[in-house]
Amino acid sequence: MKSEIFPRITVDPQVCFGKPCIRGMRIRVTDVLDMLAGGASRAEILADYPYLENADISAALGFSRT
C-alpha cells in the first residue's frame, strides 16, 4: 500500500538490504532524513546528490510520517 502512496520509495531485498530507498537507487530514505536532521538544506542535498529531485526529498519526509 505504501508503494501506491509513495511511488518514489522502493523496497527491494537486493538493494540496501531491503531498506526503503529513493527510486531504486542506493540512497536510503534514512540517509535523506539524516542529512535534513543534521541541518542540510534541500538545496545542499540536491547539489551533493544531483540525481535526486526535490520531490524525492518530499517523498522521504512523507514516508517517515507513516
C-alpha atoms as a PDB file:
ATOM      1  CA  MET A   1       0.000   0.000   0.000  1.00  0.00           C
ATOM      2  CA  LYS A   2       2.813   2.447   0.795  1.00  0.00           C
ATOM      3  CA  SER A   3       4.193   1.887  -2.693  1.00  0.00           C
ATOM      4  CA  GLU A   4       0.946   3.230  -4.122  1.00  0.00           C
ATOM      5  CA  ILE A   5       1.051   6.302  -1.886  1.00  0.00           C
ATOM      6  CA  PHE A   6       4.822   6.794  -2.199  1.00  0.00           C
ATOM      7  CA  PRO A   7       5.806   5.602  -5.678  1.00  0.00           C
ATOM      8  CA  ARG A   8       9.241   7.253  -5.335  1.00  0.00           C
ATOM      9  CA  ILE A   9      10.084   4.995  -2.387  1.00  0.00           C
ATOM     10  CA  THR A  10      11.091   1.454  -3.269  1.00  0.00           C
ATOM     11  CA  VAL A  11      11.892  -1.620  -1.224  1.00  0.00           C
ATOM     12  CA  ASP A  12      13.962  -4.317  -2.895  1.00  0.00           C
ATOM     13  CA  PRO A  13      15.783  -7.041  -0.964  1.00  0.00           C
ATOM     14  CA  GLN A  14      18.646  -6.748  -3.481  1.00  0.00           C
ATOM     15  CA  VAL A  15      19.170  -3.024  -2.819  1.00  0.00           C
ATOM     16  CA  CYS A  16      20.452  -1.809   0.574  1.00  0.00           C
ATOM     17  CA  PHE A  17      19.291  -4.990   2.301  1.00  0.00           C
ATOM     18  CA  GLY A  18      15.636  -4.176   1.626  1.00  0.00           C
ATOM     19  CA  LYS A  19      15.661  -0.793   3.356  1.00  0.00           C
ATOM     20  CA  PRO A  20      13.343   1.838   1.820  1.00  0.00           C
ATOM     21  CA  CYS A  21      15.258   3.689  -0.917  1.00  0.00           C
ATOM     22  CA  ILE A  22      14.671   6.561  -3.276  1.00  0.00           C
ATOM     23  CA  ARG A  23      13.545   5.324  -6.710  1.00  0.00           C
ATOM     24  CA  GLY A  24      15.511   2.086  -6.518  1.00  0.00           C
ATOM     25  CA  MET A  25      18.823   3.895  -6.109  1.00  0.00           C
ATOM     26  CA  ARG A  26      21.230   3.126  -3.336  1.00  0.00           C
ATOM     27  CA  ILE A  27      20.267   6.126  -1.269  1.00  0.00           C
ATOM     28  CA  ARG A  28      18.041   5.207   1.629  1.00  0.00           C
ATOM     29  CA  VAL A  29      15.171   7.234   2.983  1.00  0.00           C
ATOM     30  CA  THR A  30      17.065   7.339   6.274  1.00  0.00           C
ATOM     31  CA  ASP A  31      20.095   8.869   4.511  1.00  0.00           C
ATOM     32  CA  VAL A  32      17.969  11.773   3.302  1.00  0.00           C
ATOM     33  CA  LEU A  33      16.308  12.184   6.681  1.00  0.00           C
ATOM     34  CA  ASP A  34      19.663  12.092   8.486  1.00  0.00           C
ATOM     35  CA  MET A  35      21.024  14.821   6.219  1.00  0.00           C
ATOM     36  CA  LEU A  36      17.997  17.002   6.920  1.00  0.00           C
ATOM     37  CA  ALA A  37      18.221  16.323  10.663  1.00  0.00           C
ATOM     38  CA  GLY A  38      21.891  17.257  10.522  1.00  0.00           C
ATOM     39  CA  GLY A  39      20.996  20.681   9.203  1.00  0.00           C
ATOM     40  CA  ALA A  40      21.456  20.214   5.451  1.00  0.00           C
ATOM     41  CA  SER A  41      19.040  22.211   3.334  1.00  0.00           C
ATOM     42  CA  ARG A  42      17.186  20.758   0.373  1.00  0.00           C
ATOM     43  CA  ALA A  43      19.416  22.814  -1.920  1.00  0.00           C
ATOM     44  CA  GLU A  44      22.560  21.379  -0.325  1.00  0.00           C
ATOM     45  CA  ILE A  45      21.296  17.812  -0.639  1.00  0.00           C
ATOM     46  CA  LEU A  46      20.319  18.334  -4.264  1.00  0.00           C
ATOM     47  CA  ALA A  47      23.726  19.868  -5.014  1.00  0.00           C
ATOM     48  CA  ASP A  48      25.554  16.957  -3.367  1.00  0.00           C
ATOM     49  CA  TYR A  49      23.313  14.317  -4.973  1.00  0.00           C
ATOM     50  CA  PRO A  50      22.381  15.664  -8.420  1.00  0.00           C
ATOM     51  CA  TYR A  51      20.446  12.514  -9.302  1.00  0.00           C
ATOM     52  CA  LEU A  52      17.925  13.324  -6.562  1.00  0.00           C
ATOM     53  CA  GLU A  53      14.948  15.565  -7.161  1.00  0.00           C
ATOM     54  CA  ASN A  54      13.123  17.862  -4.771  1.00  0.00           C
ATOM     55  CA  ALA A  55      10.131  15.500  -4.933  1.00  0.00           C
ATOM     56  CA  ASP A  56      12.371  12.690  -3.651  1.00  0.00           C
ATOM     57  CA  ILE A  57      13.096  14.664  -0.502  1.00  0.00           C
ATOM     58  CA  SER A  58       9.392  15.385  -0.049  1.00  0.00           C
ATOM     59  CA  ALA A  59       8.625  11.691  -0.520  1.00  0.00           C
ATOM     60  CA  ALA A  60      11.207  10.718   2.118  1.00  0.00           C
ATOM     61  CA  LEU A  61       9.674  13.176   4.574  1.00  0.00           C
ATOM     62  CA  GLY A  62       6.174  11.946   3.874  1.00  0.00           C
ATOM     63  CA  PHE A  63       7.230   8.312   4.110  1.00  0.00           C
ATOM     64  CA  SER A  64       8.780   8.940   7.515  1.00  0.00           C
ATOM     65  CA  ARG A  65       5.428  10.105   8.828  1.00  0.00           C
ATOM     66  CA  THR A  66       3.670   6.820   8.071  1.00  0.00           C
END
